[in-house]
C-alpha atoms as a PDB file:
ATOM      1  CA  UNK A   1     -57.116 119.806  -7.395  1.00  0.00           C
ATOM      2  CA  UNK A   2     -55.130 122.245  -5.278  1.00  0.00           C
ATOM      3  CA  UNK A   3     -55.621 125.902  -6.047  1.00  0.00           C
ATOM      4  CA  UNK A   4     -52.898 128.481  -6.681  1.00  0.00           C
ATOM      5  CA  UNK A   5     -53.235 129.865  -3.132  1.00  0.00           C
ATOM      6  CA  UNK A   6     -52.718 126.395  -1.636  1.00  0.00           C
ATOM      7  CA  UNK A   7     -49.582 125.963  -3.730  1.00  0.00           C
ATOM      8  CA  UNK A   8     -48.205 129.232  -2.396  1.00  0.00           C
ATOM      9  CA  UNK A   9     -48.800 128.185   1.240  1.00  0.00           C
ATOM     10  CA  UNK A  10     -47.366 124.691   0.759  1.00  0.00           C
ATOM     11  CA  UNK A  11     -43.530 124.832   1.090  1.00  0.00           C
ATOM     12  CA  UNK A  12     -43.147 121.589  -0.878  1.00  0.00           C
ATOM     13  CA  UNK A  13     -44.763 123.196  -3.915  1.00  0.00           C
ATOM     14  CA  UNK A  14     -42.538 126.252  -3.985  1.00  0.00           C
ATOM     15  CA  UNK A  15     -39.851 124.791  -6.241  1.00  0.00           C
ATOM     16  CA  UNK A  16     -41.928 122.931  -8.833  1.00  0.00           C
ATOM     17  CA  UNK A  17     -40.919 123.349 -12.510  1.00  0.00           C
ATOM     18  CA  UNK A  18     -43.892 125.637 -13.056  1.00  0.00           C
ATOM     19  CA  UNK A  19     -42.825 127.917 -10.230  1.00  0.00           C
ATOM     20  CA  UNK A  20     -39.216 127.863 -11.466  1.00  0.00           C
ATOM     21  CA  UNK A  21     -40.395 128.911 -14.922  1.00  0.00           C
ATOM     22  CA  UNK A  22     -42.223 131.779 -13.262  1.00  0.00           C
ATOM     23  CA  UNK A  23     -39.055 132.768 -11.455  1.00  0.00           C
ATOM     24  CA  UNK A  24     -37.120 132.721 -14.700  1.00  0.00           C
ATOM     25  CA  UNK A  25     -39.764 135.089 -16.115  1.00  0.00           C
ATOM     26  CA  UNK A  26     -39.324 137.329 -13.077  1.00  0.00           C
ATOM     27  CA  UNK A  27     -35.568 137.300 -13.691  1.00  0.00           C
ATOM     28  CA  UNK A  28     -36.166 138.388 -17.269  1.00  0.00           C
ATOM     29  CA  UNK A  29     -38.327 141.221 -15.954  1.00  0.00           C
ATOM     30  CA  UNK A  30     -35.367 142.509 -13.885  1.00  0.00           C
ATOM     31  CA  UNK A  31     -36.347 141.034 -10.458  1.00  0.00           C
ATOM     32  CA  UNK A  32     -33.603 139.236  -8.371  1.00  0.00           C
ATOM     33  CA  UNK A  33     -33.544 135.461  -8.880  1.00  0.00           C
ATOM     34  CA  UNK A  34     -34.570 133.028  -6.123  1.00  0.00           C
ATOM     35  CA  UNK A  35     -31.582 131.601  -4.158  1.00  0.00           C
ATOM     36  CA  UNK A  36     -31.712 127.813  -4.266  1.00  0.00           C
ATOM     37  CA  UNK A  37     -29.961 125.447  -1.741  1.00  0.00           C
ATOM     38  CA  UNK A  38     -27.046 123.301  -2.838  1.00  0.00           C
ATOM     39  CA  UNK A  39     -27.248 119.533  -3.270  1.00  0.00           C
ATOM     40  CA  UNK A  40     -27.031 117.178  -0.286  1.00  0.00           C
ATOM     41  CA  UNK A  41     -24.524 115.101  -2.260  1.00  0.00           C
ATOM     42  CA  UNK A  42     -21.419 117.285  -2.728  1.00  0.00           C
ATOM     43  CA  UNK A  43     -19.245 116.952  -5.799  1.00  0.00           C
ATOM     44  CA  UNK A  44     -16.164 116.485  -3.576  1.00  0.00           C
ATOM     45  CA  UNK A  45     -14.760 112.971  -3.249  1.00  0.00           C
ATOM     46  CA  UNK A  46     -15.404 111.311   0.111  1.00  0.00           C
ATOM     47  CA  UNK A  47     -11.825 110.855   1.364  1.00  0.00           C
ATOM     48  CA  UNK A  48     -12.435 111.729   5.042  1.00  0.00           C
ATOM     49  CA  UNK A  49     -11.518 109.622   8.079  1.00  0.00           C
ATOM     50  CA  UNK A  50     -14.511 109.369  10.408  1.00  0.00           C
ATOM     51  CA  UNK A  51     -14.984 108.858  14.130  1.00  0.00           C
ATOM     52  CA  UNK A  52     -18.751 108.886  14.334  1.00  0.00           C
ATOM     53  CA  UNK A  53     -18.908 108.377  18.115  1.00  0.00           C
ATOM     54  CA  UNK A  54     -17.265 111.785  18.571  1.00  0.00           C
ATOM     55  CA  UNK A  55     -18.892 113.259  15.405  1.00  0.00           C
ATOM     56  CA  UNK A  56     -15.444 113.774  13.946  1.00  0.00           C
ATOM     57  CA  UNK A  57     -14.359 113.922  10.323  1.00  0.00           C
ATOM     58  CA  UNK A  58     -10.696 114.419   9.375  1.00  0.00           C
ATOM     59  CA  UNK A  59      -9.633 115.752   5.964  1.00  0.00           C
ATOM     60  CA  UNK A  60      -5.901 115.797   5.268  1.00  0.00           C
ATOM     61  CA  UNK A  61      -6.274 117.318   1.811  1.00  0.00           C
ATOM     62  CA  UNK A  62      -4.192 120.496   1.490  1.00  0.00           C
ATOM     63  CA  UNK A  63      -6.178 123.666   0.855  1.00  0.00           C
ATOM     64  CA  UNK A  64      -5.253 125.259  -2.512  1.00  0.00           C
ATOM     65  CA  UNK A  65      -6.268 128.758  -1.482  1.00  0.00           C
ATOM     66  CA  UNK A  66      -8.013 130.596   1.312  1.00  0.00           C
ATOM     67  CA  UNK A  67     -10.995 131.342  -0.915  1.00  0.00           C
ATOM     68  CA  UNK A  68     -11.827 127.618  -1.220  1.00  0.00           C
ATOM     69  CA  UNK A  69     -11.810 127.065   2.576  1.00  0.00           C
ATOM     70  CA  UNK A  70     -15.503 127.848   3.065  1.00  0.00           C
ATOM     71  CA  UNK A  71     -16.575 125.645   0.162  1.00  0.00           C
ATOM     72  CA  UNK A  72     -14.448 122.702   1.340  1.00  0.00           C
ATOM     73  CA  UNK A  73     -15.692 123.095   4.926  1.00  0.00           C
ATOM     74  CA  UNK A  74     -19.293 123.013   3.764  1.00  0.00           C
ATOM     75  CA  UNK A  75     -18.715 119.866   1.670  1.00  0.00           C
ATOM     76  CA  UNK A  76     -16.949 118.077   4.543  1.00  0.00           C
ATOM     77  CA  UNK A  77     -19.760 118.958   6.967  1.00  0.00           C
ATOM     78  CA  UNK A  78     -22.304 117.630   4.474  1.00  0.00           C
ATOM     79  CA  UNK A  79     -20.343 114.379   4.066  1.00  0.00           C
ATOM     80  CA  UNK A  80     -20.227 113.962   7.878  1.00  0.00           C
ATOM     81  CA  UNK A  81     -23.984 114.505   8.197  1.00  0.00           C
ATOM     82  CA  UNK A  82     -24.648 112.020   5.382  1.00  0.00           C
ATOM     83  CA  UNK A  83     -22.464 109.422   7.092  1.00  0.00           C
ATOM     84  CA  UNK A  84     -24.205 109.966  10.458  1.00  0.00           C
ATOM     85  CA  UNK A  85     -27.671 109.459   8.993  1.00  0.00           C
ATOM     86  CA  UNK A  86     -26.400 106.349   7.241  1.00  0.00           C
ATOM     87  CA  UNK A  87     -26.353 104.734  10.694  1.00  0.00           C
ATOM     88  CA  UNK A  88     -29.410 102.968  12.202  1.00  0.00           C
ATOM     89  CA  UNK A  89     -32.096 105.562  12.940  1.00  0.00           C
ATOM     90  CA  UNK A  90     -35.392 105.632  14.809  1.00  0.00           C
ATOM     91  CA  UNK A  91     -38.187 108.131  15.187  1.00  0.00           C
ATOM     92  CA  UNK A  92     -38.830 109.948  18.487  1.00  0.00           C
ATOM     93  CA  UNK A  93     -41.026 112.801  19.635  1.00  0.00           C
ATOM     94  CA  UNK A  94     -38.238 115.237  18.785  1.00  0.00           C
ATOM     95  CA  UNK A  95     -37.663 113.813  15.321  1.00  0.00           C
ATOM     96  CA  UNK A  96     -35.356 111.378  13.563  1.00  0.00           C
ATOM     97  CA  UNK A  97     -32.466 110.252  15.781  1.00  0.00           C
ATOM     98  CA  UNK A  98     -29.372 108.333  14.662  1.00  0.00           C
ATOM     99  CA  UNK A  99     -27.713 105.768  16.953  1.00  0.00           C
ATOM    100  CA  UNK A 100     -23.992 106.464  17.226  1.00  0.00           C
ATOM    101  CA  UNK A 101     -21.487 103.584  17.496  1.00  0.00           C
ATOM    102  CA  UNK A 102     -20.275 102.589  20.949  1.00  0.00           C
ATOM    103  CA  UNK A 103     -16.629 101.950  20.040  1.00  0.00           C
ATOM    104  CA  UNK A 104     -14.544 104.989  19.036  1.00  0.00           C
ATOM    105  CA  UNK A 105     -12.116 105.020  16.125  1.00  0.00           C
ATOM    106  CA  UNK A 106      -9.541 107.188  17.900  1.00  0.00           C
ATOM    107  CA  UNK A 107      -8.635 106.528  21.538  1.00  0.00           C
ATOM    108  CA  UNK A 108      -8.218 110.016  22.939  1.00  0.00           C
ATOM    109  CA  UNK A 109      -6.338 110.361  26.268  1.00  0.00           C
ATOM    110  CA  UNK A 110      -8.054 111.801  29.317  1.00  0.00           C
ATOM    111  CA  UNK A 111      -6.967 115.169  30.646  1.00  0.00           C
ATOM    112  CA  UNK A 112      -7.588 114.085  34.255  1.00  0.00           C
ATOM    113  CA  UNK A 113      -7.610 110.614  35.851  1.00  0.00           C
ATOM    114  CA  UNK A 114     -10.872 108.776  36.366  1.00  0.00           C
ATOM    115  CA  UNK A 115     -12.453 110.044  39.611  1.00  0.00           C
ATOM    116  CA  UNK A 116     -12.374 107.546  42.432  1.00  0.00           C
ATOM    117  CA  UNK A 117     -15.584 106.494  44.105  1.00  0.00           C
ATOM    118  CA  UNK A 118     -16.028 108.272  47.420  1.00  0.00           C
ATOM    119  CA  UNK A 119     -16.084 106.146  50.537  1.00  0.00           C
ATOM    120  CA  UNK A 120     -19.455 105.803  52.230  1.00  0.00           C
ATOM    121  CA  UNK A 121     -19.980 107.640  55.482  1.00  0.00           C
ATOM    122  CA  UNK A 122     -21.445 106.073  58.609  1.00  0.00           C
ATOM    123  CA  UNK A 123     -24.827 107.602  57.892  1.00  0.00           C
ATOM    124  CA  UNK A 124     -24.922 106.262  54.318  1.00  0.00           C
ATOM    125  CA  UNK A 125     -24.058 102.764  55.511  1.00  0.00           C
ATOM    126  CA  UNK A 126     -26.740 102.968  58.196  1.00  0.00           C
ATOM    127  CA  UNK A 127     -29.307 104.323  55.721  1.00  0.00           C
ATOM    128  CA  UNK A 128     -28.616 101.499  53.258  1.00  0.00           C
ATOM    129  CA  UNK A 129     -28.971  98.936  56.044  1.00  0.00           C
ATOM    130  CA  UNK A 130     -32.274 100.384  57.291  1.00  0.00           C
ATOM    131  CA  UNK A 131     -33.583 101.288  53.834  1.00  0.00           C
ATOM    132  CA  UNK A 132     -33.789 105.024  54.572  1.00  0.00           C
ATOM    133  CA  UNK A 133     -34.253 107.182  51.471  1.00  0.00           C
ATOM    134  CA  UNK A 134     -33.121 110.794  51.581  1.00  0.00           C
ATOM    135  CA  UNK A 135     -36.039 113.160  51.097  1.00  0.00           C
ATOM    136  CA  UNK A 136     -35.177 116.291  49.157  1.00  0.00           C
ATOM    137  CA  UNK A 137     -36.128 119.418  51.053  1.00  0.00           C
ATOM    138  CA  UNK A 138     -37.252 122.571  49.358  1.00  0.00           C
ATOM    139  CA  UNK A 139     -34.871 125.502  49.172  1.00  0.00           C
ATOM    140  CA  UNK A 140     -37.432 128.022  50.453  1.00  0.00           C
ATOM    141  CA  UNK A 141     -39.590 127.899  53.588  1.00  0.00           C
ATOM    142  CA  UNK A 142     -42.448 129.965  54.931  1.00  0.00           C
ATOM    143  CA  UNK A 143     -41.537 132.705  57.408  1.00  0.00           C
ATOM    144  CA  UNK A 144     -44.301 133.344  59.941  1.00  0.00           C
ATOM    145  CA  UNK A 145     -42.852 136.714  60.945  1.00  0.00           C
ATOM    146  CA  UNK A 146     -42.538 138.188  57.449  1.00  0.00           C
ATOM    147  CA  UNK A 147     -45.451 136.186  56.050  1.00  0.00           C
ATOM    148  CA  UNK A 148     -43.405 135.408  52.984  1.00  0.00           C
ATOM    149  CA  UNK A 149     -41.230 132.695  51.447  1.00  0.00           C
ATOM    150  CA  UNK A 150     -37.543 133.008  52.425  1.00  0.00           C
ATOM    151  CA  UNK A 151     -34.441 130.847  51.761  1.00  0.00           C
ATOM    152  CA  UNK A 152     -33.784 127.999  54.142  1.00  0.00           C
ATOM    153  CA  UNK A 153     -30.033 128.761  54.382  1.00  0.00           C
ATOM    154  CA  UNK A 154     -27.704 131.655  53.684  1.00  0.00           C
ATOM    155  CA  UNK A 155     -28.468 135.329  53.187  1.00  0.00           C
ATOM    156  CA  UNK A 156     -31.870 136.483  54.494  1.00  0.00           C
ATOM    157  CA  UNK A 157     -32.660 132.941  55.578  1.00  0.00           C
ATOM    158  CA  UNK A 158     -35.148 131.882  58.211  1.00  0.00           C
ATOM    159  CA  UNK A 159     -32.507 131.669  60.948  1.00  0.00           C
ATOM    160  CA  UNK A 160     -31.096 135.091  60.117  1.00  0.00           C
ATOM    161  CA  UNK A 161     -34.546 136.639  60.255  1.00  0.00           C
ATOM    162  CA  UNK A 162     -35.248 134.859  63.528  1.00  0.00           C
ATOM    163  CA  UNK A 163     -32.168 136.429  65.127  1.00  0.00           C
ATOM    164  CA  UNK A 164     -33.232 139.881  63.977  1.00  0.00           C
ATOM    165  CA  UNK A 165     -36.801 139.315  65.151  1.00  0.00           C
ATOM    166  CA  UNK A 166     -35.671 138.567  68.752  1.00  0.00           C
ATOM    167  CA  UNK A 167     -33.730 141.655  69.918  1.00  0.00           C
ATOM    168  CA  UNK A 168     -34.530 140.878  73.572  1.00  0.00           C
ATOM    169  CA  UNK A 169     -33.925 137.508  75.241  1.00  0.00           C
ATOM    170  CA  UNK A 170     -35.497 136.735  78.602  1.00  0.00           C
ATOM    171  CA  UNK A 171     -33.124 135.514  81.311  1.00  0.00           C
ATOM    172  CA  UNK A 172     -34.507 132.293  82.730  1.00  0.00           C
ATOM    173  CA  UNK A 173     -34.179 131.058  86.275  1.00  0.00           C
ATOM    174  CA  UNK A 174     -30.683 129.769  87.029  1.00  0.00           C
ATOM    175  CA  UNK A 175     -28.959 131.574  84.161  1.00  0.00           C
ATOM    176  CA  UNK A 176     -26.240 134.163  84.511  1.00  0.00           C
ATOM    177  CA  UNK A 177     -27.807 137.600  83.990  1.00  0.00           C
ATOM    178  CA  UNK A 178     -24.452 139.062  82.897  1.00  0.00           C
ATOM    179  CA  UNK A 179     -23.929 136.523  80.124  1.00  0.00           C
ATOM    180  CA  UNK A 180     -24.542 137.645  76.548  1.00  0.00           C
ATOM    181  CA  UNK A 181     -27.160 135.262  75.066  1.00  0.00           C
ATOM    182  CA  UNK A 182     -26.368 136.253  71.483  1.00  0.00           C
ATOM    183  CA  UNK A 183     -22.659 135.564  71.974  1.00  0.00           C
ATOM    184  CA  UNK A 184     -23.513 132.242  73.589  1.00  0.00           C
ATOM    185  CA  UNK A 185     -25.721 131.317  70.622  1.00  0.00           C
ATOM    186  CA  UNK A 186     -22.905 132.178  68.199  1.00  0.00           C
ATOM    187  CA  UNK A 187     -20.445 130.068  70.199  1.00  0.00           C
ATOM    188  CA  UNK A 188     -22.854 127.131  70.142  1.00  0.00           C
ATOM    189  CA  UNK A 189     -23.089 127.398  66.362  1.00  0.00           C
ATOM    190  CA  UNK A 190     -19.310 127.438  66.077  1.00  0.00           C
ATOM    191  CA  UNK A 191     -19.178 124.344  68.283  1.00  0.00           C
ATOM    192  CA  UNK A 192     -21.678 122.552  66.051  1.00  0.00           C
ATOM    193  CA  UNK A 193     -19.575 123.429  62.981  1.00  0.00           C
ATOM    194  CA  UNK A 194     -16.418 122.124  64.683  1.00  0.00           C
ATOM    195  CA  UNK A 195     -18.136 118.841  65.566  1.00  0.00           C
ATOM    196  CA  UNK A 196     -19.350 118.463  61.994  1.00  0.00           C
ATOM    197  CA  UNK A 197     -15.808 119.080  60.741  1.00  0.00           C
ATOM    198  CA  UNK A 198     -14.545 116.401  63.100  1.00  0.00           C
ATOM    199  CA  UNK A 199     -17.120 113.931  61.784  1.00  0.00           C
ATOM    200  CA  UNK A 200     -16.074 114.663  58.212  1.00  0.00           C
ATOM    201  CA  UNK A 201     -12.425 114.023  59.073  1.00  0.00           C
ATOM    202  CA  UNK A 202     -13.363 110.761  60.802  1.00  0.00           C
ATOM    203  CA  UNK A 203     -15.334 109.626  57.760  1.00  0.00           C
ATOM    204  CA  UNK A 204     -12.382 110.410  55.484  1.00  0.00           C
ATOM    205  CA  UNK A 205     -10.024 108.428  57.704  1.00  0.00           C
ATOM    206  CA  UNK A 206     -12.372 105.464  57.834  1.00  0.00           C
ATOM    207  CA  UNK A 207     -12.885 105.633  54.079  1.00  0.00           C
ATOM    208  CA  UNK A 208      -9.113 105.606  53.531  1.00  0.00           C
ATOM    209  CA  UNK A 209      -8.814 102.467  55.670  1.00  0.00           C
ATOM    210  CA  UNK A 210      -7.044 104.122  58.612  1.00  0.00           C
ATOM    211  CA  UNK A 211      -7.872 102.490  61.937  1.00  0.00           C
ATOM    212  CA  UNK A 212      -9.008 104.845  64.660  1.00  0.00           C
ATOM    213  CA  UNK A 213      -7.780 104.491  68.266  1.00  0.00           C
ATOM    214  CA  UNK A 214      -8.994 101.368  69.998  1.00  0.00           C
ATOM    215  CA  UNK A 215     -10.952 103.292  72.608  1.00  0.00           C
ATOM    216  CA  UNK A 216     -13.322 104.915  70.118  1.00  0.00           C
ATOM    217  CA  UNK A 217     -13.574 102.290  67.387  1.00  0.00           C
ATOM    218  CA  UNK A 218     -16.214  99.594  67.181  1.00  0.00           C
ATOM    219  CA  UNK A 219     -15.276  96.421  69.048  1.00  0.00           C
ATOM    220  CA  UNK A 220     -17.111  94.107  66.670  1.00  0.00           C
ATOM    221  CA  UNK A 221     -15.496  94.972  63.363  1.00  0.00           C
ATOM    222  CA  UNK A 222     -13.675  97.745  61.637  1.00  0.00           C
ATOM    223  CA  UNK A 223     -14.500  99.630  58.418  1.00  0.00           C
ATOM    224  CA  UNK A 224     -13.537  96.827  56.037  1.00  0.00           C
ATOM    225  CA  UNK A 225     -15.757  94.339  57.954  1.00  0.00           C
ATOM    226  CA  UNK A 226     -12.742  92.343  59.069  1.00  0.00           C
ATOM    227  CA  UNK A 227     -11.870  90.933  62.475  1.00  0.00           C
ATOM    228  CA  UNK A 228     -10.371  93.406  64.874  1.00  0.00           C
ATOM    229  CA  UNK A 229      -6.736  92.826  65.954  1.00  0.00           C
ATOM    230  CA  UNK A 230      -6.252  91.280  69.376  1.00  0.00           C
ATOM    231  CA  UNK A 231      -4.114  94.152  70.646  1.00  0.00           C
ATOM    232  CA  UNK A 232      -6.857  96.678  69.898  1.00  0.00           C
ATOM    233  CA  UNK A 233      -9.445  94.561  71.699  1.00  0.00           C
ATOM    234  CA  UNK A 234      -7.192  94.267  74.759  1.00  0.00           C
ATOM    235  CA  UNK A 235      -6.594  98.022  74.784  1.00  0.00           C
ATOM    236  CA  UNK A 236     -10.329  98.733  74.525  1.00  0.00           C
ATOM    237  CA  UNK A 237     -11.033  96.263  77.349  1.00  0.00           C
ATOM    238  CA  UNK A 238      -8.479  97.902  79.632  1.00  0.00           C
ATOM    239  CA  UNK A 239      -9.954 101.333  78.963  1.00  0.00           C
ATOM    240  CA  UNK A 240     -13.463 100.079  79.663  1.00  0.00           C
ATOM    241  CA  UNK A 241     -12.390  98.461  82.937  1.00  0.00           C
ATOM    242  CA  UNK A 242     -11.113 101.728  84.387  1.00  0.00           C
ATOM    243  CA  UNK A 243     -13.820 103.991  82.984  1.00  0.00           C
ATOM    244  CA  UNK A 244     -15.964 103.929  86.142  1.00  0.00           C
ATOM    245  CA  UNK A 245     -15.694 106.245  89.131  1.00  0.00           C
ATOM    246  CA  UNK A 246     -14.142 103.514  91.295  1.00  0.00           C
ATOM    247  CA  UNK A 247     -11.550 102.743  88.618  1.00  0.00           C
ATOM    248  CA  UNK A 248     -13.101  99.297  88.145  1.00  0.00           C
ATOM    249  CA  UNK A 249     -12.673  98.297  91.794  1.00  0.00           C
ATOM    250  CA  UNK A 250     -16.282  97.246  92.410  1.00  0.00           C
ATOM    251  CA  UNK A 251     -17.124  95.996  88.914  1.00  0.00           C
ATOM    252  CA  UNK A 252     -17.895  92.380  88.170  1.00  0.00           C
ATOM    253  CA  UNK A 253     -15.303  90.485  86.192  1.00  0.00           C
ATOM    254  CA  UNK A 254     -15.957  87.790  83.610  1.00  0.00           C
ATOM    255  CA  UNK A 255     -14.453  84.333  83.719  1.00  0.00           C
ATOM    256  CA  UNK A 256     -10.762  84.482  82.851  1.00  0.00           C
ATOM    257  CA  UNK A 257     -10.687  88.282  82.830  1.00  0.00           C
ATOM    258  CA  UNK A 258      -7.602  89.864  84.351  1.00  0.00           C
ATOM    259  CA  UNK A 259      -8.263  92.923  86.443  1.00  0.00           C
ATOM    260  CA  UNK A 260      -6.210  95.997  85.738  1.00  0.00           C
ATOM    261  CA  UNK A 261      -4.165  96.953  88.810  1.00  0.00           C
ATOM    262  CA  UNK A 262      -5.354 100.188  90.415  1.00  0.00           C
ATOM    263  CA  UNK A 263      -3.395 103.289  89.726  1.00  0.00           C
ATOM    264  CA  UNK A 264      -1.070 104.193  92.588  1.00  0.00           C
ATOM    265  CA  UNK A 265      -1.367 107.711  93.853  1.00  0.00           C
ATOM    266  CA  UNK A 266       1.358 109.391  95.839  1.00  0.00           C
ATOM    267  CA  UNK A 267       0.156 110.634  99.189  1.00  0.00           C
ATOM    268  CA  UNK A 268       1.580 113.983 100.165  1.00  0.00           C
ATOM    269  CA  UNK A 269       1.550 114.460 103.934  1.00  0.00           C
ATOM    270  CA  UNK A 270       1.127 118.034 105.114  1.00  0.00           C
ATOM    271  CA  UNK A 271       4.180 119.445 106.927  1.00  0.00           C
ATOM    272  CA  UNK A 272       5.202 122.834 108.283  1.00  0.00           C
ATOM    273  CA  UNK A 273       7.010 125.290 106.095  1.00  0.00           C
ATOM    274  CA  UNK A 274      10.166 125.076 108.214  1.00  0.00           C
ATOM    275  CA  UNK A 275      10.393 121.283 107.857  1.00  0.00           C
ATOM    276  CA  UNK A 276       9.825 121.511 104.100  1.00  0.00           C
ATOM    277  CA  UNK A 277      12.549 124.141 103.803  1.00  0.00           C
ATOM    278  CA  UNK A 278      15.003 122.006 105.818  1.00  0.00           C
ATOM    279  CA  UNK A 279      14.243 118.981 103.641  1.00  0.00           C
ATOM    280  CA  UNK A 280      14.947 120.898 100.441  1.00  0.00           C
ATOM    281  CA  UNK A 281      18.206 122.314 101.866  1.00  0.00           C
ATOM    282  CA  UNK A 282      19.356 118.862 102.928  1.00  0.00           C
ATOM    283  CA  UNK A 283      18.678 117.504  99.445  1.00  0.00           C
ATOM    284  CA  UNK A 284      20.606 120.326  97.794  1.00  0.00           C
ATOM    285  CA  UNK A 285      23.539 119.924 100.225  1.00  0.00           C
ATOM    286  CA  UNK A 286      23.734 116.201  99.495  1.00  0.00           C
ATOM    287  CA  UNK A 287      23.676 116.822  95.729  1.00  0.00           C
ATOM    288  CA  UNK A 288      26.324 119.549  95.559  1.00  0.00           C
ATOM    289  CA  UNK A 289      28.542 118.716  98.581  1.00  0.00           C
ATOM    290  CA  UNK A 290      28.089 114.981  98.902  1.00  0.00           C
ATOM    291  CA  UNK A 291      27.092 115.100 102.563  1.00  0.00           C
ATOM    292  CA  UNK A 292      23.981 114.441 104.546  1.00  0.00           C
ATOM    293  CA  UNK A 293      23.422 110.890 103.325  1.00  0.00           C
ATOM    294  CA  UNK A 294      24.829 107.382 103.548  1.00  0.00           C
ATOM    295  CA  UNK A 295      28.450 106.945 102.354  1.00  0.00           C
ATOM    296  CA  UNK A 296      29.331 104.265  99.823  1.00  0.00           C
ATOM    297  CA  UNK A 297      32.398 102.670 101.396  1.00  0.00           C
ATOM    298  CA  UNK A 298      33.567 100.957  98.219  1.00  0.00           C
ATOM    299  CA  UNK A 299      33.405 104.150  96.235  1.00  0.00           C
ATOM    300  CA  UNK A 300      35.142 106.076  99.011  1.00  0.00           C
ATOM    301  CA  UNK A 301      37.972 103.506  99.107  1.00  0.00           C
ATOM    302  CA  UNK A 302      38.537 103.709  95.383  1.00  0.00           C
ATOM    303  CA  UNK A 303      38.675 107.502  95.557  1.00  0.00           C
ATOM    304  CA  UNK A 304      41.236 107.362  98.415  1.00  0.00           C
ATOM    305  CA  UNK A 305      43.417 104.835  96.563  1.00  0.00           C
ATOM    306  CA  UNK A 306      43.378 106.946  93.418  1.00  0.00           C
ATOM    307  CA  UNK A 307      44.397 110.057  95.341  1.00  0.00           C
ATOM    308  CA  UNK A 308      47.209 108.143  97.118  1.00  0.00           C
ATOM    309  CA  UNK A 309      48.659 106.794  93.858  1.00  0.00           C
ATOM    310  CA  UNK A 310      48.440 110.212  92.262  1.00  0.00           C
ATOM    311  CA  UNK A 311      50.358 111.777  95.158  1.00  0.00           C
ATOM    312  CA  UNK A 312      53.044 109.045  95.042  1.00  0.00           C
ATOM    313  CA  UNK A 313      53.558 109.502  91.320  1.00  0.00           C
ATOM    314  CA  UNK A 314      53.956 113.222  91.844  1.00  0.00           C
ATOM    315  CA  UNK A 315      56.620 112.724  94.541  1.00  0.00           C
ATOM    316  CA  UNK A 316      58.599 110.251  92.421  1.00  0.00           C
ATOM    317  CA  UNK A 317      58.686 112.681  89.534  1.00  0.00           C
ATOM    318  CA  UNK A 318      59.999 115.419  91.808  1.00  0.00           C
ATOM    319  CA  UNK A 319      62.836 113.237  93.284  1.00  0.00           C
ATOM    320  CA  UNK A 320      63.749 111.787  89.895  1.00  0.00           C
ATOM    321  CA  UNK A 321      64.196 108.288  91.350  1.00  0.00           C
ATOM    322  CA  UNK A 322      62.929 104.924  90.144  1.00  0.00           C
ATOM    323  CA  UNK A 323      60.307 102.819  91.821  1.00  0.00           C
ATOM    324  CA  UNK A 324      61.518  99.366  92.947  1.00  0.00           C
ATOM    325  CA  UNK A 325      59.352  96.413  92.017  1.00  0.00           C
ATOM    326  CA  UNK A 326      57.742  94.474  94.783  1.00  0.00           C
ATOM    327  CA  UNK A 327      58.696  96.810  97.629  1.00  0.00           C
ATOM    328  CA  UNK A 328      56.831  99.934  96.786  1.00  0.00           C
ATOM    329  CA  UNK A 329      53.323 100.404  97.869  1.00  0.00           C
ATOM    330  CA  UNK A 330      51.113  99.886  94.841  1.00  0.00           C
ATOM    331  CA  UNK A 331      54.050  99.708  92.464  1.00  0.00           C
ATOM    332  CA  UNK A 332      53.999  97.879  89.191  1.00  0.00           C
ATOM    333  CA  UNK A 333      55.427  94.391  89.433  1.00  0.00           C
ATOM    334  CA  UNK A 334      54.558  90.764  89.796  1.00  0.00           C
ATOM    335  CA  UNK A 335      51.847  88.914  91.620  1.00  0.00           C
ATOM    336  CA  UNK A 336      52.167  90.464  95.042  1.00  0.00           C
ATOM    337  CA  UNK A 337      49.321  92.340  96.638  1.00  0.00           C
ATOM    338  CA  UNK A 338      49.749  95.968  97.425  1.00  0.00           C
ATOM    339  CA  UNK A 339      47.476  98.530  98.908  1.00  0.00           C
ATOM    340  CA  UNK A 340      45.059  99.494  96.202  1.00  0.00           C
ATOM    341  CA  UNK A 341      47.476  98.649  93.372  1.00  0.00           C
ATOM    342  CA  UNK A 342      49.780  96.141  91.718  1.00  0.00           C
ATOM    343  CA  UNK A 343      52.778  95.150  93.883  1.00  0.00           C
ATOM    344  CA  UNK A 344      55.776  92.900  93.414  1.00  0.00           C
ATOM    345  CA  UNK A 345      56.394  89.310  94.489  1.00  0.00           C
ATOM    346  CA  UNK A 346      57.410  90.178  98.041  1.00  0.00           C
ATOM    347  CA  UNK A 347      55.231  91.206 100.868  1.00  0.00           C
ATOM    348  CA  UNK A 348      53.687  94.532 100.550  1.00  0.00           C
ATOM    349  CA  UNK A 349      54.476  97.268 102.976  1.00  0.00           C
ATOM    350  CA  UNK A 350      52.125  97.306 105.877  1.00  0.00           C
END
């Protein structure tokens, strides 16, 4: 049989009837009574609406007073816990675990839309094809100068310590002795960052389905693994034909391939300054004065006829007379032919 000391150490034996009788005797002696826990089955009626997937219990009962809020909250929490452990359970290393339902009772709306899956970059596609697995690198590395572990990137990293550890850079043969090597190293880093930014933009464009220019895209297939349009292939072929130093003049052509015509270059012959000045003056004189070039006879005739008719109309207005049909030069009339105008039926004035 267990002794009295074993009963005191065993927590399951603390609230036996014998111990409770002893506590009642202590209460009679004036000592404070032992505080006992409330029942796991509350006296409140189970009228809650449950959503066990979200561990939610809804009670629409109005609260009579503020003093009963704590008691009602405790009873509702106990009812929710009882309902959860009424589900299928299993034992794990951490204890008894209940399996929550997969379908919710309330369909709650999302605050943000479902995130879209990011498009794969060129490197990810290549790694999946070749079966390359990314190896996680440690965040700290060993610094031979400090003989200590330092961060790989960022503040007090290995590269930052390396720059501080090399205050003097030797000028090698063929380098400019007046060039700042530290400034050159910083510019090279900025160039690497700019190239990386360009690659990221290209990956975003390819992931969005935007076709890149034909000269830089793959000739076999595009991002969506579809056939490339014929116009893009022709443009890429033309660019490749003229990409050599001879502009494709001495390259071999395939059967049925059309050669791109060579680009015409304007040859500028050297001439004295005086001749060049005279040429420019002649061009300006011909533009503003109309001289120094060939005369368009048809245009000159039309201009002369227009001036003649304008002068005749001015004279007739001054005299106040009328123009006879058919006799006047260029007057308005029938089917006769006048000089530069519409004459009458008779012969025009010669």
